[in-house]
Amino acid sequence: MGSNPTPSAILILGNVEILIDAKLETLFFMENKLDRLERETRAAASRSEITKEDSSRASKNL
């Protein structure tokens, strides 16, 4: 009636830990990828706005 896990239980727990770690890494990768896409989209929109403002100013100065 000891509380020590059997070798097979240790192996199963180790495999579960590896699977959990792999899933967490995948989640972090996907989150970073989505965050990067969002930042790039915002940056592109910002550049587009700046270009529109510059074009507007240039046409007013003519």
N, C-alpha and C. Protein backbone atom coordinates (compact mmCIF):
# COMPACT_ATOMS: atom_id res chain seq x y z
N MET A 1 0.82 -1.19 0.00
CA MET A 1 0.00 0.00 0.00
C MET A 1 0.86 1.26 0.00
N GLY A 2 1.98 1.20 -0.68
CA GLY A 2 2.83 2.38 -0.75
C GLY A 2 2.32 3.37 -1.76
N SER A 3 2.85 4.56 -1.70
CA SER A 3 2.40 5.60 -2.63
C SER A 3 3.38 5.79 -3.78
N ASN A 4 4.36 4.90 -3.89
CA ASN A 4 5.32 5.01 -4.99
C ASN A 4 4.70 4.51 -6.28
N PRO A 5 4.80 5.29 -7.37
CA PRO A 5 4.24 4.85 -8.64
C PRO A 5 5.07 3.71 -9.23
N THR A 6 4.42 2.87 -9.99
CA THR A 6 5.11 1.76 -10.66
C THR A 6 5.91 2.32 -11.83
N PRO A 7 6.91 1.58 -12.31
CA PRO A 7 7.68 2.05 -13.46
C PRO A 7 6.80 2.36 -14.68
N SER A 8 5.77 1.54 -14.90
CA SER A 8 4.90 1.81 -16.05
C SER A 8 4.10 3.09 -15.84
N ALA A 9 3.71 3.37 -14.59
CA ALA A 9 2.99 4.61 -14.30
C ALA A 9 3.90 5.81 -14.52
N ILE A 10 5.17 5.67 -14.13
CA ILE A 10 6.13 6.76 -14.35
C ILE A 10 6.30 7.00 -15.85
N LEU A 11 6.38 5.92 -16.63
CA LEU A 11 6.52 6.04 -18.08
C LEU A 11 5.30 6.74 -18.68
N ILE A 12 4.12 6.34 -18.27
CA ILE A 12 2.89 6.96 -18.77
C ILE A 12 2.85 8.44 -18.39
N LEU A 13 3.17 8.75 -17.14
CA LEU A 13 3.17 10.15 -16.71
C LEU A 13 4.20 10.96 -17.48
N GLY A 14 5.36 10.35 -17.74
CA GLY A 14 6.39 11.03 -18.53
C GLY A 14 5.91 11.31 -19.93
N ASN A 15 5.23 10.33 -20.55
CA ASN A 15 4.70 10.53 -21.90
C ASN A 15 3.63 11.61 -21.92
N VAL A 16 2.79 11.63 -20.91
CA VAL A 16 1.74 12.65 -20.82
C VAL A 16 2.39 14.03 -20.69
N GLU A 17 3.44 14.12 -19.87
CA GLU A 17 4.13 15.40 -19.70
C GLU A 17 4.74 15.87 -21.01
N ILE A 18 5.32 14.94 -21.77
CA ILE A 18 5.90 15.29 -23.07
C ILE A 18 4.81 15.78 -24.02
N LEU A 19 3.67 15.10 -24.04
CA LEU A 19 2.56 15.52 -24.91
C LEU A 19 2.05 16.90 -24.51
N ILE A 20 1.92 17.13 -23.22
CA ILE A 20 1.45 18.43 -22.74
C ILE A 20 2.44 19.52 -23.13
N ASP A 21 3.73 19.26 -22.94
CA ASP A 21 4.76 20.23 -23.32
C ASP A 21 4.70 20.54 -24.81
N ALA A 22 4.51 19.50 -25.63
CA ALA A 22 4.44 19.69 -27.08
C ALA A 22 3.22 20.52 -27.45
N LYS A 23 2.09 20.25 -26.80
CA LYS A 23 0.87 21.02 -27.09
C LYS A 23 1.05 22.48 -26.65
N LEU A 24 1.68 22.70 -25.51
CA LEU A 24 1.92 24.07 -25.05
C LEU A 24 2.83 24.82 -26.01
N GLU A 25 3.89 24.15 -26.47
CA GLU A 25 4.78 24.78 -27.44
C GLU A 25 4.03 25.15 -28.71
N THR A 26 3.15 24.26 -29.17
CA THR A 26 2.35 24.54 -30.36
C THR A 26 1.43 25.73 -30.13
N LEU A 27 0.80 25.77 -28.96
CA LEU A 27 -0.09 26.89 -28.65
C LEU A 27 0.67 28.21 -28.61
N PHE A 28 1.84 28.22 -27.97
CA PHE A 28 2.64 29.44 -27.91
C PHE A 28 3.09 29.86 -29.30
N PHE A 29 3.48 28.88 -30.14
CA PHE A 29 3.90 29.19 -31.50
C PHE A 29 2.75 29.82 -32.28
N MET A 30 1.55 29.20 -32.18
CA MET A 30 0.39 29.73 -32.90
C MET A 30 0.02 31.11 -32.40
N GLU A 31 0.07 31.31 -31.08
CA GLU A 31 -0.26 32.62 -30.51
C GLU A 31 0.72 33.67 -31.01
N ASN A 32 2.01 33.34 -31.02
CA ASN A 32 3.02 34.28 -31.50
C ASN A 32 2.84 34.57 -32.98
N LYS A 33 2.48 33.54 -33.75
CA LYS A 33 2.27 33.71 -35.18
C LYS A 33 1.09 34.64 -35.43
N LEU A 34 -0.02 34.42 -34.72
CA LEU A 34 -1.20 35.27 -34.89
C LEU A 34 -0.91 36.69 -34.43
N ASP A 35 -0.18 36.83 -33.33
CA ASP A 35 0.17 38.15 -32.82
C ASP A 35 1.05 38.89 -33.82
N ARG A 36 2.00 38.16 -34.43
CA ARG A 36 2.88 38.78 -35.42
C ARG A 36 2.08 39.24 -36.64
N LEU A 37 1.15 38.40 -37.10
CA LEU A 37 0.32 38.79 -38.24
C LEU A 37 -0.51 40.02 -37.93
N GLU A 38 -1.05 40.09 -36.70
CA GLU A 38 -1.84 41.24 -36.29
C GLU A 38 -0.97 42.51 -36.26
N ARG A 39 0.24 42.38 -35.71
CA ARG A 39 1.15 43.54 -35.66
C ARG A 39 1.52 43.99 -37.06
N GLU A 40 1.80 43.02 -37.95
CA GLU A 40 2.16 43.36 -39.32
C GLU A 40 1.00 44.03 -40.04
N THR A 41 -0.22 43.57 -39.78
CA THR A 41 -1.40 44.18 -40.40
C THR A 41 -1.58 45.61 -39.91
N ARG A 42 -1.41 45.82 -38.61
CA ARG A 42 -1.52 47.18 -38.07
C ARG A 42 -0.43 48.08 -38.64
N ALA A 43 0.78 47.56 -38.77
CA ALA A 43 1.88 48.34 -39.32
C ALA A 43 1.61 48.70 -40.77
N ALA A 44 1.10 47.75 -41.54
CA ALA A 44 0.78 48.01 -42.95
C ALA A 44 -0.33 49.05 -43.06
N ALA A 45 -1.34 48.95 -42.21
CA ALA A 45 -2.42 49.94 -42.22
C ALA A 45 -1.89 51.31 -41.85
N SER A 46 -0.99 51.36 -40.90
CA SER A 46 -0.39 52.62 -40.48
C SER A 46 0.41 53.23 -41.63
N ARG A 47 1.20 52.40 -42.32
CA ARG A 47 1.98 52.89 -43.46
C ARG A 47 1.04 53.40 -44.55
N SER A 48 -0.06 52.71 -44.77
CA SER A 48 -1.02 53.11 -45.78
C SER A 48 -1.62 54.47 -45.44
N GLU A 49 -1.96 54.68 -44.17
CA GLU A 49 -2.50 55.97 -43.74
C GLU A 49 -1.49 57.09 -43.94
N ILE A 50 -0.23 56.82 -43.60
CA ILE A 50 0.81 57.83 -43.76
C ILE A 50 0.96 58.17 -45.24
N THR A 51 0.93 57.18 -46.11
CA THR A 51 1.05 57.41 -47.55
C THR A 51 -0.12 58.25 -48.05
N LYS A 52 -1.34 57.95 -47.59
CA LYS A 52 -2.51 58.73 -48.00
C LYS A 52 -2.38 60.17 -47.54
N GLU A 53 -1.91 60.38 -46.31
CA GLU A 53 -1.74 61.75 -45.80
C GLU A 53 -0.70 62.49 -46.60
N ASP A 54 0.42 61.84 -46.92
CA ASP A 54 1.47 62.48 -47.71
C ASP A 54 0.95 62.83 -49.10
N SER A 55 0.18 61.94 -49.72
CA SER A 55 -0.38 62.20 -51.04
C SER A 55 -1.35 63.37 -50.99
N SER A 56 -2.15 63.41 -49.94
CA SER A 56 -3.12 64.48 -49.79
C SER A 56 -2.41 65.83 -49.64
N ARG A 57 -1.38 65.86 -48.81
CA ARG A 57 -0.62 67.11 -48.62
C ARG A 57 0.07 67.53 -49.90
N ALA A 58 0.63 66.58 -50.62
CA ALA A 58 1.34 66.89 -51.86
C ALA A 58 0.39 67.47 -52.89
N SER A 59 -0.82 66.93 -53.00
CA SER A 59 -1.77 67.45 -53.99
C SER A 59 -2.28 68.83 -53.59
N LYS A 60 -2.37 69.11 -52.30
CA LYS A 60 -2.80 70.43 -51.84
C LYS A 60 -1.73 71.49 -52.10
N ASN A 61 -0.48 71.07 -52.09
CA ASN A 61 0.62 72.01 -52.29
C ASN A 61 0.82 72.37 -53.75
N LEU A 62 0.18 71.65 -54.66
CA LEU A 62 0.36 71.92 -56.09
C LEU A 62 -0.42 73.09 -56.54
